[in-house]
Amino acid sequence: MKPTDKTLVRKLALVLLVKLAVLFLLWWGFVRVQHVQTDGDSVAAQFLHSPQIPAQGVSR
């Protein structure tokens, strides 16, 4: 490995660590405290509900 390759690997590793740190801090600040309460009935109703699709080819 050339010295420039080692420098590139080191820089890429640093960038990835910084990105992971930023993602963790964003999660910690905004997402961690959010809680969604669900029950089985509401989830089943959401999955079993079929959306109405408008008819195709209807002329005005």
PDB file of N, CA and C in Angstrom:
ATOM      1  N   MET A   1       0.839  -1.182   0.000  1.00  0.00           N
ATOM      2  CA  MET A   1       0.000   0.000   0.000  1.00  0.00           C
ATOM      3  C   MET A   1       0.884   1.246   0.000  1.00  0.00           C
ATOM      4  N   LYS A   2       0.552   2.160  -0.832  1.00  0.00           N
ATOM      5  CA  LYS A   2       1.316   3.401  -0.906  1.00  0.00           C
ATOM      6  C   LYS A   2       0.925   4.312   0.259  1.00  0.00           C
ATOM      7  N   PRO A   3       1.782   5.234   0.635  1.00  0.00           N
ATOM      8  CA  PRO A   3       1.441   6.167   1.724  1.00  0.00           C
ATOM      9  C   PRO A   3       0.196   6.995   1.414  1.00  0.00           C
ATOM     10  N   THR A   4      -0.008   7.324   0.135  1.00  0.00           N
ATOM     11  CA  THR A   4      -1.207   8.109  -0.199  1.00  0.00           C
ATOM     12  C   THR A   4      -2.472   7.273  -0.009  1.00  0.00           C
ATOM     13  N   ASP A   5      -2.372   5.940  -0.228  1.00  0.00           N
ATOM     14  CA  ASP A   5      -3.517   5.063  -0.004  1.00  0.00           C
ATOM     15  C   ASP A   5      -3.871   5.008   1.473  1.00  0.00           C
ATOM     16  N   LYS A   6      -2.854   4.956   2.322  1.00  0.00           N
ATOM     17  CA  LYS A   6      -3.097   4.923   3.763  1.00  0.00           C
ATOM     18  C   LYS A   6      -3.738   6.223   4.236  1.00  0.00           C
ATOM     19  N   THR A   7      -3.310   7.323   3.657  1.00  0.00           N
ATOM     20  CA  THR A   7      -3.900   8.614   4.017  1.00  0.00           C
ATOM     21  C   THR A   7      -5.363   8.666   3.596  1.00  0.00           C
ATOM     22  N   LEU A   8      -5.656   8.152   2.413  1.00  0.00           N
ATOM     23  CA  LEU A   8      -7.039   8.135   1.927  1.00  0.00           C
ATOM     24  C   LEU A   8      -7.918   7.270   2.830  1.00  0.00           C
ATOM     25  N   VAL A   9      -7.420   6.100   3.206  1.00  0.00           N
ATOM     26  CA  VAL A   9      -8.180   5.219   4.091  1.00  0.00           C
ATOM     27  C   VAL A   9      -8.423   5.904   5.431  1.00  0.00           C
ATOM     28  N   ARG A  10      -7.418   6.579   5.950  1.00  0.00           N
ATOM     29  CA  ARG A  10      -7.556   7.277   7.233  1.00  0.00           C
ATOM     30  C   ARG A  10      -8.592   8.400   7.134  1.00  0.00           C
ATOM     31  N   LYS A  11      -8.557   9.153   6.028  1.00  0.00           N
ATOM     32  CA  LYS A  11      -9.518  10.249   5.845  1.00  0.00           C
ATOM     33  C   LYS A  11     -10.938   9.714   5.690  1.00  0.00           C
ATOM     34  N   LEU A  12     -11.101   8.627   4.922  1.00  0.00           N
ATOM     35  CA  LEU A  12     -12.428   8.035   4.759  1.00  0.00           C
ATOM     36  C   LEU A  12     -12.968   7.504   6.086  1.00  0.00           C
ATOM     37  N   ALA A  13     -12.113   6.876   6.872  1.00  0.00           N
ATOM     38  CA  ALA A  13     -12.536   6.379   8.179  1.00  0.00           C
ATOM     39  C   ALA A  13     -12.956   7.533   9.080  1.00  0.00           C
ATOM     40  N   LEU A  14     -12.234   8.630   9.032  1.00  0.00           N
ATOM     41  CA  LEU A  14     -12.583   9.797   9.847  1.00  0.00           C
ATOM     42  C   LEU A  14     -13.930  10.378   9.420  1.00  0.00           C
ATOM     43  N   VAL A  15     -14.149  10.468   8.112  1.00  0.00           N
ATOM     44  CA  VAL A  15     -15.421  10.998   7.611  1.00  0.00           C
ATOM     45  C   VAL A  15     -16.579  10.095   8.039  1.00  0.00           C
ATOM     46  N   LEU A  16     -16.402   8.784   7.951  1.00  0.00           N
ATOM     47  CA  LEU A  16     -17.453   7.863   8.371  1.00  0.00           C
ATOM     48  C   LEU A  16     -17.744   7.978   9.864  1.00  0.00           C
ATOM     49  N   LEU A  17     -16.711   8.118  10.666  1.00  0.00           N
ATOM     50  CA  LEU A  17     -16.923   8.279  12.110  1.00  0.00           C
ATOM     51  C   LEU A  17     -17.654   9.578  12.421  1.00  0.00           C
ATOM     52  N   VAL A  18     -17.312  10.638  11.723  1.00  0.00           N
ATOM     53  CA  VAL A  18     -18.002  11.917  11.942  1.00  0.00           C
ATOM     54  C   VAL A  18     -19.465  11.799  11.535  1.00  0.00           C
ATOM     55  N   LYS A  19     -19.743  11.142  10.408  1.00  0.00           N
ATOM     56  CA  LYS A  19     -21.132  10.968   9.971  1.00  0.00           C
ATOM     57  C   LYS A  19     -21.928  10.142  10.977  1.00  0.00           C
ATOM     58  N   LEU A  20     -21.322   9.070  11.466  1.00  0.00           N
ATOM     59  CA  LEU A  20     -22.004   8.252  12.473  1.00  0.00           C
ATOM     60  C   LEU A  20     -22.275   9.048  13.741  1.00  0.00           C
ATOM     61  N   ALA A  21     -21.322   9.878  14.150  1.00  0.00           N
ATOM     62  CA  ALA A  21     -21.510  10.699  15.341  1.00  0.00           C
ATOM     63  C   ALA A  21     -22.648  11.699  15.137  1.00  0.00           C
ATOM     64  N   VAL A  22     -22.706  12.307  13.958  1.00  0.00           N
ATOM     65  CA  VAL A  22     -23.778  13.271  13.669  1.00  0.00           C
ATOM     66  C   VAL A  22     -25.129  12.570  13.646  1.00  0.00           C
ATOM     67  N   LEU A  23     -25.206  11.409  13.020  1.00  0.00           N
ATOM     68  CA  LEU A  23     -26.465  10.662  13.002  1.00  0.00           C
ATOM     69  C   LEU A  23     -26.903  10.281  14.415  1.00  0.00           C
ATOM     70  N   PHE A  24     -25.952   9.844  15.225  1.00  0.00           N
ATOM     71  CA  PHE A  24     -26.289   9.487  16.602  1.00  0.00           C
ATOM     72  C   PHE A  24     -26.782  10.704  17.375  1.00  0.00           C
ATOM     73  N   LEU A  25     -26.122  11.832  17.218  1.00  0.00           N
ATOM     74  CA  LEU A  25     -26.553  13.041  17.930  1.00  0.00           C
ATOM     75  C   LEU A  25     -27.933  13.501  17.465  1.00  0.00           C
ATOM     76  N   LEU A  26     -28.220  13.399  16.164  1.00  0.00           N
ATOM     77  CA  LEU A  26     -29.554  13.752  15.677  1.00  0.00           C
ATOM     78  C   LEU A  26     -30.609  12.812  16.250  1.00  0.00           C
ATOM     79  N   TRP A  27     -30.299  11.522  16.274  1.00  0.00           N
ATOM     80  CA  TRP A  27     -31.230  10.559  16.864  1.00  0.00           C
ATOM     81  C   TRP A  27     -31.437  10.865  18.335  1.00  0.00           C
ATOM     82  N   TRP A  28     -30.355  11.116  19.045  1.00  0.00           N
ATOM     83  CA  TRP A  28     -30.426  11.370  20.481  1.00  0.00           C
ATOM     84  C   TRP A  28     -31.263  12.620  20.770  1.00  0.00           C
ATOM     85  N   GLY A  29     -31.140  13.625  19.934  1.00  0.00           N
ATOM     86  CA  GLY A  29     -31.837  14.881  20.177  1.00  0.00           C
ATOM     87  C   GLY A  29     -33.296  14.883  19.746  1.00  0.00           C
ATOM     88  N   PHE A  30     -33.643  14.145  18.710  1.00  0.00           N
ATOM     89  CA  PHE A  30     -34.982  14.276  18.148  1.00  0.00           C
ATOM     90  C   PHE A  30     -35.826  13.000  18.201  1.00  0.00           C
ATOM     91  N   VAL A  31     -35.229  11.851  18.062  1.00  0.00           N
ATOM     92  CA  VAL A  31     -35.998  10.629  17.902  1.00  0.00           C
ATOM     93  C   VAL A  31     -36.122   9.841  19.201  1.00  0.00           C
ATOM     94  N   ARG A  32     -35.124   9.891  20.036  1.00  0.00           N
ATOM     95  CA  ARG A  32     -35.068   9.051  21.238  1.00  0.00           C
ATOM     96  C   ARG A  32     -36.293   9.217  22.129  1.00  0.00           C
ATOM     97  N   VAL A  33     -36.806  10.413  22.267  1.00  0.00           N
ATOM     98  CA  VAL A  33     -37.907  10.671  23.195  1.00  0.00           C
ATOM     99  C   VAL A  33     -39.279  10.414  22.588  1.00  0.00           C
ATOM    100  N   GLN A  34     -39.338  10.139  21.288  1.00  0.00           N
ATOM    101  CA  GLN A  34     -40.616   9.906  20.627  1.00  0.00           C
ATOM    102  C   GLN A  34     -41.067   8.467  20.861  1.00  0.00           C
ATOM    103  N   HIS A  35     -42.321   8.311  21.273  1.00  0.00           N
ATOM    104  CA  HIS A  35     -42.884   6.989  21.503  1.00  0.00           C
ATOM    105  C   HIS A  35     -44.228   6.903  20.787  1.00  0.00           C
ATOM    106  N   VAL A  36     -44.436   5.807  20.095  1.00  0.00           N
ATOM    107  CA  VAL A  36     -45.689   5.582  19.392  1.00  0.00           C
ATOM    108  C   VAL A  36     -46.390   4.420  20.073  1.00  0.00           C
ATOM    109  N   GLN A  37     -47.594   4.685  20.565  1.00  0.00           N
ATOM    110  CA  GLN A  37     -48.358   3.635  21.221  1.00  0.00           C
ATOM    111  C   GLN A  37     -49.347   3.057  20.220  1.00  0.00           C
ATOM    112  N   THR A  38     -49.323   1.757  20.087  1.00  0.00           N
ATOM    113  CA  THR A  38     -50.251   1.088  19.181  1.00  0.00           C
ATOM    114  C   THR A  38     -50.879  -0.093  19.896  1.00  0.00           C
ATOM    115  N   ASP A  39     -52.002  -0.513  19.388  1.00  0.00           N
ATOM    116  CA  ASP A  39     -52.607  -1.746  19.877  1.00  0.00           C
ATOM    117  C   ASP A  39     -52.917  -2.629  18.663  1.00  0.00           C
ATOM    118  N   GLY A  40     -53.167  -3.871  18.919  1.00  0.00           N
ATOM    119  CA  GLY A  40     -53.371  -4.834  17.844  1.00  0.00           C
ATOM    120  C   GLY A  40     -54.544  -4.498  16.953  1.00  0.00           C
ATOM    121  N   ASP A  41     -55.622  -3.980  17.543  1.00  0.00           N
ATOM    122  CA  ASP A  41     -56.824  -3.678  16.758  1.00  0.00           C
ATOM    123  C   ASP A  41     -56.571  -2.559  15.747  1.00  0.00           C
ATOM    124  N   SER A  42     -55.874  -1.506  16.169  1.00  0.00           N
ATOM    125  CA  SER A  42     -55.632  -0.397  15.243  1.00  0.00           C
ATOM    126  C   SER A  42     -54.668  -0.807  14.129  1.00  0.00           C
ATOM    127  N   VAL A  43     -53.688  -1.644  14.446  1.00  0.00           N
ATOM    128  CA  VAL A  43     -52.766  -2.121  13.417  1.00  0.00           C
ATOM    129  C   VAL A  43     -53.503  -3.014  12.423  1.00  0.00           C
ATOM    130  N   ALA A  44     -54.349  -3.906  12.921  1.00  0.00           N
ATOM    131  CA  ALA A  44     -55.112  -4.790  12.031  1.00  0.00           C
ATOM    132  C   ALA A  44     -56.048  -3.979  11.142  1.00  0.00           C
ATOM    133  N   ALA A  45     -56.699  -2.975  11.702  1.00  0.00           N
ATOM    134  CA  ALA A  45     -57.606  -2.140  10.905  1.00  0.00           C
ATOM    135  C   ALA A  45     -56.838  -1.404   9.815  1.00  0.00           C
ATOM    136  N   GLN A  46     -55.630  -0.961  10.125  1.00  0.00           N
ATOM    137  CA  GLN A  46     -54.818  -0.245   9.139  1.00  0.00           C
ATOM    138  C   GLN A  46     -54.411  -1.171   7.998  1.00  0.00           C
ATOM    139  N   PHE A  47     -54.061  -2.411   8.308  1.00  0.00           N
ATOM    140  CA  PHE A  47     -53.641  -3.354   7.275  1.00  0.00           C
ATOM    141  C   PHE A  47     -54.821  -3.894   6.473  1.00  0.00           C
ATOM    142  N   LEU A  48     -55.962  -4.056   7.094  1.00  0.00           N
ATOM    143  CA  LEU A  48     -57.109  -4.633   6.414  1.00  0.00           C
ATOM    144  C   LEU A  48     -57.900  -3.611   5.602  1.00  0.00           C
ATOM    145  N   HIS A  49     -57.666  -2.347   5.845  1.00  0.00           N
ATOM    146  CA  HIS A  49     -58.368  -1.286   5.121  1.00  0.00           C
ATOM    147  C   HIS A  49     -57.841  -1.237   3.697  1.00  0.00           C
ATOM    148  N   SER A  50     -58.742  -1.403   2.732  1.00  0.00           N
ATOM    149  CA  SER A  50     -58.316  -1.327   1.333  1.00  0.00           C
ATOM    150  C   SER A  50     -58.697   0.042   0.784  1.00  0.00           C
ATOM    151  N   PRO A  51     -57.728   0.789   0.294  1.00  0.00           N
ATOM    152  CA  PRO A  51     -58.041   2.124  -0.239  1.00  0.00           C
ATOM    153  C   PRO A  51     -58.855   2.016  -1.514  1.00  0.00           C
ATOM    154  N   GLN A  52     -59.753   2.961  -1.689  1.00  0.00           N
ATOM    155  CA  GLN A  52     -60.580   2.953  -2.880  1.00  0.00           C
ATOM    156  C   GLN A  52     -59.794   3.568  -4.034  1.00  0.00           C
ATOM    157  N   ILE A  53     -59.704   2.818  -5.113  1.00  0.00           N
ATOM    158  CA  ILE A  53     -58.955   3.281  -6.280  1.00  0.00           C
ATOM    159  C   ILE A  53     -59.959   3.877  -7.276  1.00  0.00           C
ATOM    160  N   PRO A  54     -59.723   5.095  -7.733  1.00  0.00           N
ATOM    161  CA  PRO A  54     -60.667   5.674  -8.695  1.00  0.00           C
ATOM    162  C   PRO A  54     -60.662   4.893 -10.000  1.00  0.00           C
ATOM    163  N   ALA A  55     -61.803   4.900 -10.656  1.00  0.00           N
ATOM    164  CA  ALA A  55     -61.968   4.159 -11.918  1.00  0.00           C
ATOM    165  C   ALA A  55     -61.073   4.768 -12.985  1.00  0.00           C
ATOM    166  N   GLN A  56     -60.477   3.913 -13.788  1.00  0.00           N
ATOM    167  CA  GLN A  56     -59.607   4.371 -14.870  1.00  0.00           C
ATOM    168  C   GLN A  56     -60.416   4.552 -16.140  1.00  0.00           C
ATOM    169  N   GLY A  57     -60.031   5.497 -16.942  1.00  0.00           N
ATOM    170  CA  GLY A  57     -60.659   5.680 -18.243  1.00  0.00           C
ATOM    171  C   GLY A  57     -61.992   6.375 -18.213  1.00  0.00           C
ATOM    172  N   VAL A  58     -62.338   7.045 -17.148  1.00  0.00           N
ATOM    173  CA  VAL A  58     -63.608   7.763 -17.061  1.00  0.00           C
ATOM    174  C   VAL A  58     -63.414   9.116 -17.730  1.00  0.00           C
ATOM    175  N   SER A  59     -64.225   9.401 -18.752  1.00  0.00           N
ATOM    176  CA  SER A  59     -64.100  10.703 -19.439  1.00  0.00           C
ATOM    177  C   SER A  59     -65.047  11.710 -18.786  1.00  0.00           C
ATOM    178  N   ARG A  60     -64.666  12.938 -18.891  1.00  0.00           N
ATOM    179  CA  ARG A  60     -65.480  14.004 -18.293  1.00  0.00           C
ATOM    180  C   ARG A  60     -66.353  14.659 -19.292  1.00  0.00           C
TER     181      ARG A  60
END
